[in-house]
Amino acid sequence: MEFHLNALSKKDRGFWPLFQDSRKSKEAPNGSKVMNVLVIEDELITALHLIESIKYLRPDYSVVKVIGSVDEASLFLKENQTIDLIFSDIHLSDGLSFMIFQEVEVKIPIIFCTAFDRYFMEAFNTYGIAYILKPFDSKKLKTCIEKFEGLVKNKSAEIQRLPKNIENLKFNTSSNSILIHQNEKIIPVLFEDIAIIWIDHGVVKLTTFDNRTFIPKKSLDDFEKLLNSKFYRINRQYIVQRRAVKDTSQYVSRKLLVNLHVKFAQKITIGKEKTPNFLKWLSSN
């Protein structure tokens, strides 16, 4: 499977055209049908990582196009229904990908790849067959592809809109890390390694217990929905993990000053209204 980075020059308008497979044959070397894949993803590094993973797991699959917006994906799918499988992010540059499948009737199996688990049920109101959380690895991706191939093998062309036995489906809907895009690298950071997430002059930053600082592409509201009860939203500016809290002390105006185990220059204070709830969280975690 070959593709060229030069084809991404139109990314600024939300459209990543023509990741064409070099083979013109409609059959794989083993005689089976080549599976045409559409990738809907608006982050370059994530898209390339997904394509390389597909290439590694299924060399005979052909990623025919990568699209980064709702509008362009809707237009493409209105004119192209020869795709066999769709990999789709949920948060795109101009909205949620569910808008695509509301506008265009698509009877193509969809594997959703996203950093959020709260859209699980919505995904299966489409032709979603699997839901995988970022950061994904080859093992998780392989499981999803094998599910798709099982449906093809059993000639299950008409994917049910919402499986009745959804509670029995073995999709991975838990995540324990976040991907940080730093220059040309993708760095996975475990949630358990995060000490504090805060806003610094409008920029969200993340500091780990080994005092590394990153700039994630998420808001504090996003993190609040992703993280478990080991984390506490102190105010609009800070989210701390329980293990990061060294102690607290009285501060002016009946506020609490929170001291951390990691190096942190700013003073973290909690207003008197939130103090009882914070102390309850502190004692129960």
Protein backbone atom coordinates (compact mmCIF):
# COMPACT_ATOMS: atom_id res chain seq x y z
CA MET A 1 0.00 0.00 0.00
CA GLU A 2 1.63 3.23 -1.15
CA PHE A 3 0.71 6.82 -0.37
CA HIS A 4 2.38 10.17 -0.74
CA LEU A 5 2.58 12.97 1.84
CA ASN A 6 2.37 15.50 -1.01
CA ALA A 7 -1.25 14.49 -1.39
CA LEU A 8 -1.98 16.25 1.92
CA SER A 9 -1.42 19.76 0.61
CA LYS A 10 -5.18 20.46 0.74
CA LYS A 11 -5.50 19.60 4.42
CA ASP A 12 -6.22 23.23 5.35
CA ARG A 13 -9.64 22.98 3.72
CA GLY A 14 -10.43 19.77 5.56
CA PHE A 15 -9.84 17.38 2.70
CA TRP A 16 -7.05 14.82 2.42
CA PRO A 17 -7.45 13.30 -1.04
CA LEU A 18 -6.32 10.15 -2.71
CA PHE A 19 -4.28 7.73 -0.70
CA GLN A 20 -4.41 5.42 -3.71
CA ASP A 21 -3.14 1.85 -3.62
CA SER A 22 -0.65 1.19 -6.39
CA ARG A 23 -2.37 -2.03 -7.45
CA LYS A 24 -5.06 -1.73 -10.11
CA SER A 25 -6.28 -5.26 -9.60
CA LYS A 26 -9.51 -5.77 -7.65
CA GLU A 27 -8.12 -8.99 -6.21
CA ALA A 28 -5.46 -9.59 -3.63
CA PRO A 29 -2.56 -11.91 -4.46
CA ASN A 30 -4.34 -14.79 -2.75
CA GLY A 31 -7.36 -14.35 -5.01
CA SER A 32 -9.60 -12.68 -2.43
CA LYS A 33 -11.23 -9.31 -2.99
CA VAL A 34 -9.17 -6.26 -2.07
CA MET A 35 -10.93 -4.39 0.74
CA ASN A 36 -11.30 -0.68 0.01
CA VAL A 37 -10.92 1.39 3.16
CA LEU A 38 -11.95 4.99 3.85
CA VAL A 39 -10.28 6.82 6.76
CA ILE A 40 -12.11 9.80 8.26
CA GLU A 41 -9.61 11.58 10.51
CA ASP A 42 -8.58 15.24 10.80
CA GLU A 43 -5.22 14.80 12.55
CA LEU A 44 -2.34 14.02 10.20
CA ILE A 45 -0.17 12.06 12.63
CA THR A 46 -3.10 9.94 13.83
CA ALA A 47 -4.19 9.22 10.26
CA LEU A 48 -0.69 8.13 9.25
CA HIS A 49 -0.40 5.94 12.35
CA LEU A 50 -3.72 4.28 11.51
CA ILE A 51 -2.75 3.73 7.87
CA GLU A 52 0.58 2.20 8.85
CA SER A 53 -1.18 -0.08 11.33
CA ILE A 54 -3.66 -1.24 8.69
CA LYS A 55 -0.78 -1.78 6.27
CA TYR A 56 1.06 -3.86 8.86
CA LEU A 57 -1.95 -5.99 9.78
CA ARG A 58 -3.53 -6.31 6.33
CA PRO A 59 -1.11 -5.55 3.45
CA ASP A 60 -3.86 -6.36 0.94
CA TYR A 61 -6.22 -3.67 2.22
CA SER A 62 -6.35 -0.51 0.11
CA VAL A 63 -6.78 2.83 1.86
CA VAL A 64 -8.33 4.73 -1.05
CA LYS A 65 -8.88 8.08 0.65
CA VAL A 66 -8.36 10.04 3.86
CA ILE A 67 -10.86 12.81 4.66
CA GLY A 68 -10.75 15.26 7.53
CA SER A 69 -14.16 16.95 7.65
CA VAL A 70 -17.88 16.22 7.88
CA ASP A 71 -18.71 18.15 4.69
CA GLU A 72 -16.10 16.46 2.50
CA ALA A 73 -16.90 12.99 3.86
CA SER A 74 -20.62 13.51 3.20
CA LEU A 75 -19.91 14.63 -0.35
CA PHE A 76 -17.57 11.71 -0.99
CA LEU A 77 -19.96 9.06 0.36
CA LYS A 78 -22.88 10.44 -1.66
CA GLU A 79 -20.90 9.66 -4.79
CA ASN A 80 -18.93 6.60 -3.64
CA GLN A 81 -20.57 3.56 -2.10
CA THR A 82 -17.88 1.10 -3.20
CA ILE A 83 -16.04 1.38 0.12
CA ASP A 84 -15.92 -1.87 2.11
CA LEU A 85 -14.89 -0.50 5.51
CA ILE A 86 -14.73 2.91 7.20
CA PHE A 87 -12.41 3.93 10.04
CA SER A 88 -13.78 7.13 11.52
CA ASP A 89 -12.81 9.55 14.24
CA ILE A 90 -15.77 11.22 15.97
CA HIS A 91 -14.49 14.75 16.63
CA LEU A 92 -13.69 16.32 13.24
CA SER A 93 -12.71 19.84 12.25
CA ASP A 94 -16.31 20.90 11.50
CA GLY A 95 -18.39 18.71 13.80
CA LEU A 96 -19.09 15.15 14.91
CA SER A 97 -18.80 12.39 12.33
CA PHE A 98 -22.32 11.19 13.23
CA MET A 99 -23.52 14.15 11.15
CA ILE A 100 -22.13 12.38 8.07
CA PHE A 101 -24.22 9.27 8.62
CA GLN A 102 -27.32 11.34 9.38
CA GLU A 103 -26.99 13.11 6.05
CA VAL A 104 -25.95 10.13 3.93
CA GLU A 105 -27.43 6.64 4.16
CA VAL A 106 -24.36 4.49 4.54
CA LYS A 107 -24.61 0.71 4.76
CA ILE A 108 -20.89 0.25 5.23
CA PRO A 109 -19.35 -1.19 8.41
CA ILE A 110 -17.73 1.52 10.52
CA ILE A 111 -14.97 1.16 13.10
CA PHE A 112 -14.95 4.27 15.29
CA CYS A 113 -11.55 5.40 16.60
CA THR A 114 -11.84 8.15 19.19
CA ALA A 115 -10.42 9.52 22.42
CA PHE A 116 -13.88 9.68 24.00
CA ASP A 117 -15.99 6.79 25.32
CA ARG A 118 -19.19 8.78 25.89
CA TYR A 119 -20.38 8.29 22.29
CA PHE A 120 -20.57 4.50 22.54
CA MET A 121 -24.35 4.19 22.15
CA GLU A 122 -24.54 6.81 19.38
CA ALA A 123 -21.92 4.90 17.41
CA PHE A 124 -24.13 1.84 17.27
CA ASN A 125 -27.09 3.82 16.02
CA THR A 126 -25.08 3.96 12.79
CA TYR A 127 -23.53 0.95 11.04
CA GLY A 128 -20.84 0.87 13.67
CA ILE A 129 -19.41 -2.57 14.33
CA ALA A 130 -16.60 -1.63 16.74
CA TYR A 131 -15.51 1.25 18.95
CA ILE A 132 -11.86 1.61 19.83
CA LEU A 133 -10.38 4.25 22.10
CA LYS A 134 -7.22 6.17 21.31
CA PRO A 135 -4.44 5.51 21.83
CA PHE A 136 -5.03 2.18 20.12
CA ASP A 137 -2.46 -0.52 19.50
CA SER A 138 -2.17 -3.23 16.83
CA LYS A 139 -3.81 -5.82 19.08
CA LYS A 140 -6.98 -3.74 19.53
CA LEU A 141 -7.07 -2.82 15.86
CA LYS A 142 -6.59 -6.45 14.82
CA THR A 143 -9.58 -7.50 16.95
CA CYS A 144 -11.77 -4.93 15.19
CA ILE A 145 -10.60 -5.94 11.72
CA GLU A 146 -11.21 -9.61 12.51
CA LYS A 147 -14.76 -8.75 13.57
CA PHE A 148 -15.31 -7.03 10.22
CA GLU A 149 -13.86 -9.99 8.35
CA GLY A 150 -16.09 -12.33 10.32
CA LEU A 151 -19.14 -10.37 9.18
CA VAL A 152 -17.94 -10.49 5.57
CA LYS A 153 -17.25 -14.21 5.80
CA ASN A 154 -20.71 -14.86 7.17
CA LYS A 155 -22.18 -12.62 4.46
CA SER A 156 -23.66 -10.28 7.04
CA ALA A 157 -24.06 -7.47 4.51
CA GLU A 158 -26.98 -5.91 6.33
CA ILE A 159 -25.34 -4.79 9.58
CA GLN A 160 -28.00 -4.29 12.24
CA ARG A 161 -28.41 -0.66 13.25
CA LEU A 162 -28.15 -1.39 16.94
CA PRO A 163 -27.26 -4.92 18.10
CA LYS A 164 -29.84 -6.22 20.55
CA ASN A 165 -27.15 -7.92 22.56
CA ILE A 166 -24.91 -4.87 22.73
CA GLU A 167 -24.04 -5.58 26.35
CA ASN A 168 -22.34 -8.78 25.19
CA LEU A 169 -20.18 -7.13 22.56
CA LYS A 170 -16.50 -7.18 23.46
CA PHE A 171 -15.44 -3.70 22.43
CA ASN A 172 -12.66 -1.91 24.22
CA THR A 173 -14.30 1.16 25.76
CA SER A 174 -11.76 1.92 28.43
CA SER A 175 -8.62 3.91 28.10
CA ASN A 176 -5.78 4.43 30.54
CA SER A 177 -3.66 6.91 28.61
CA ILE A 178 -3.67 9.89 26.30
CA LEU A 179 -1.68 10.58 23.14
CA ILE A 180 0.43 13.72 23.17
CA HIS A 181 1.47 15.10 19.76
CA GLN A 182 4.87 16.75 20.14
CA ASN A 183 6.63 17.85 16.97
CA GLU A 184 6.80 14.70 14.84
CA LYS A 185 6.36 12.34 17.78
CA ILE A 186 3.32 10.73 19.38
CA ILE A 187 3.90 10.22 23.10
CA PRO A 188 1.50 8.06 25.14
CA VAL A 189 1.09 9.32 28.69
CA LEU A 190 -0.60 7.09 31.25
CA PHE A 191 -3.33 8.76 33.30
CA GLU A 192 -1.71 7.36 36.45
CA ASP A 193 1.47 9.28 35.58
CA ILE A 194 -0.33 12.63 35.39
CA ALA A 195 0.11 14.79 38.50
CA ILE A 196 -1.70 17.96 37.44
CA ILE A 197 -3.43 19.49 34.43
CA TRP A 198 -3.75 23.26 34.38
CA ILE A 199 -4.30 26.32 32.23
CA ASP A 200 -1.33 28.64 31.75
CA HIS A 201 -2.21 31.91 29.97
CA GLY A 202 -4.97 30.18 28.04
CA VAL A 203 -2.91 27.09 27.17
CA VAL A 204 -3.73 23.72 28.70
CA LYS A 205 -0.64 22.01 30.11
CA LEU A 206 -0.03 18.65 31.75
CA THR A 207 2.72 17.74 34.21
CA THR A 208 3.69 14.18 35.10
CA PHE A 209 5.18 12.87 38.34
CA ASP A 210 8.64 12.87 36.77
CA ASN A 211 8.21 16.62 36.11
CA ARG A 212 7.74 16.43 32.36
CA THR A 213 5.33 19.01 30.95
CA PHE A 214 3.26 18.55 27.78
CA ILE A 215 0.66 20.56 25.88
CA PRO A 216 -2.29 18.24 25.11
CA LYS A 217 -4.95 19.00 22.51
CA LYS A 218 -7.78 18.82 25.04
CA SER A 219 -9.61 21.21 27.31
CA LEU A 220 -9.97 20.78 31.05
CA ASP A 221 -13.62 19.93 30.43
CA ASP A 222 -12.52 17.10 28.12
CA PHE A 223 -10.13 15.77 30.76
CA GLU A 224 -12.79 15.98 33.45
CA LYS A 225 -14.98 13.63 31.40
CA LEU A 226 -12.10 11.26 30.60
CA LEU A 227 -10.48 10.89 34.01
CA ASN A 228 -11.61 8.75 36.93
CA SER A 229 -12.32 9.64 40.56
CA LYS A 230 -8.60 9.74 41.37
CA PHE A 231 -8.64 13.20 39.79
CA TYR A 232 -10.33 16.30 41.17
CA ARG A 233 -11.31 19.51 39.38
CA ILE A 234 -10.25 22.14 41.91
CA ASN A 235 -11.50 25.08 39.87
CA ARG A 236 -11.59 26.33 36.29
CA GLN A 237 -7.80 26.27 36.16
CA TYR A 238 -6.62 23.03 37.82
CA ILE A 239 -7.23 19.27 37.86
CA VAL A 240 -5.05 17.30 40.29
CA GLN A 241 -4.50 13.60 40.93
CA ARG A 242 -4.81 12.30 44.48
CA ARG A 243 -1.24 10.98 44.60
CA ALA A 244 0.04 14.44 43.68
CA VAL A 245 -1.46 16.10 46.75
CA LYS A 246 1.18 16.37 49.47
CA ASP A 247 -0.87 18.34 52.00
CA THR A 248 -3.11 21.37 52.46
CA SER A 249 -2.88 24.43 54.65
CA GLN A 250 -5.08 27.37 55.61
CA TYR A 251 -4.88 30.34 53.30
CA VAL A 252 -6.42 33.82 53.22
CA SER A 253 -10.21 34.29 53.16
CA ARG A 254 -10.80 30.78 54.53
CA LYS A 255 -9.33 29.19 51.44
CA LEU A 256 -7.18 26.04 51.35
CA LEU A 257 -3.72 26.05 49.83
CA VAL A 258 -2.89 22.74 48.09
CA ASN A 259 0.75 21.64 48.06
CA LEU A 260 1.96 19.06 45.58
CA HIS A 261 4.67 16.40 45.51
CA VAL A 262 5.83 17.71 42.11
CA LYS A 263 7.50 21.01 41.37
CA PHE A 264 4.82 23.60 40.69
CA ALA A 265 5.37 27.35 40.91
CA GLN A 266 1.76 28.53 41.00
CA LYS A 267 -0.34 28.62 44.17
CA ILE A 268 -3.33 26.27 44.01
CA THR A 269 -6.16 27.41 46.23
CA ILE A 270 -9.66 26.08 46.90
CA GLY A 271 -12.53 28.35 47.84
CA LYS A 272 -14.40 27.76 51.09
CA GLU A 273 -17.49 26.56 49.18
CA LYS A 274 -15.62 23.63 47.63
CA THR A 275 -13.45 22.79 50.64
CA PRO A 276 -15.81 20.20 52.24
CA ASN A 277 -16.21 18.33 48.94
CA PHE A 278 -12.46 18.42 48.29
CA LEU A 279 -11.61 17.10 51.76
CA LYS A 280 -14.15 14.30 51.33
CA TRP A 281 -12.51 13.36 48.01
CA LEU A 282 -9.07 13.58 49.63
CA SER A 283 -10.03 11.18 52.42
CA SER A 284 -11.81 8.67 50.21
CA ASN A 285 -9.12 8.20 47.57
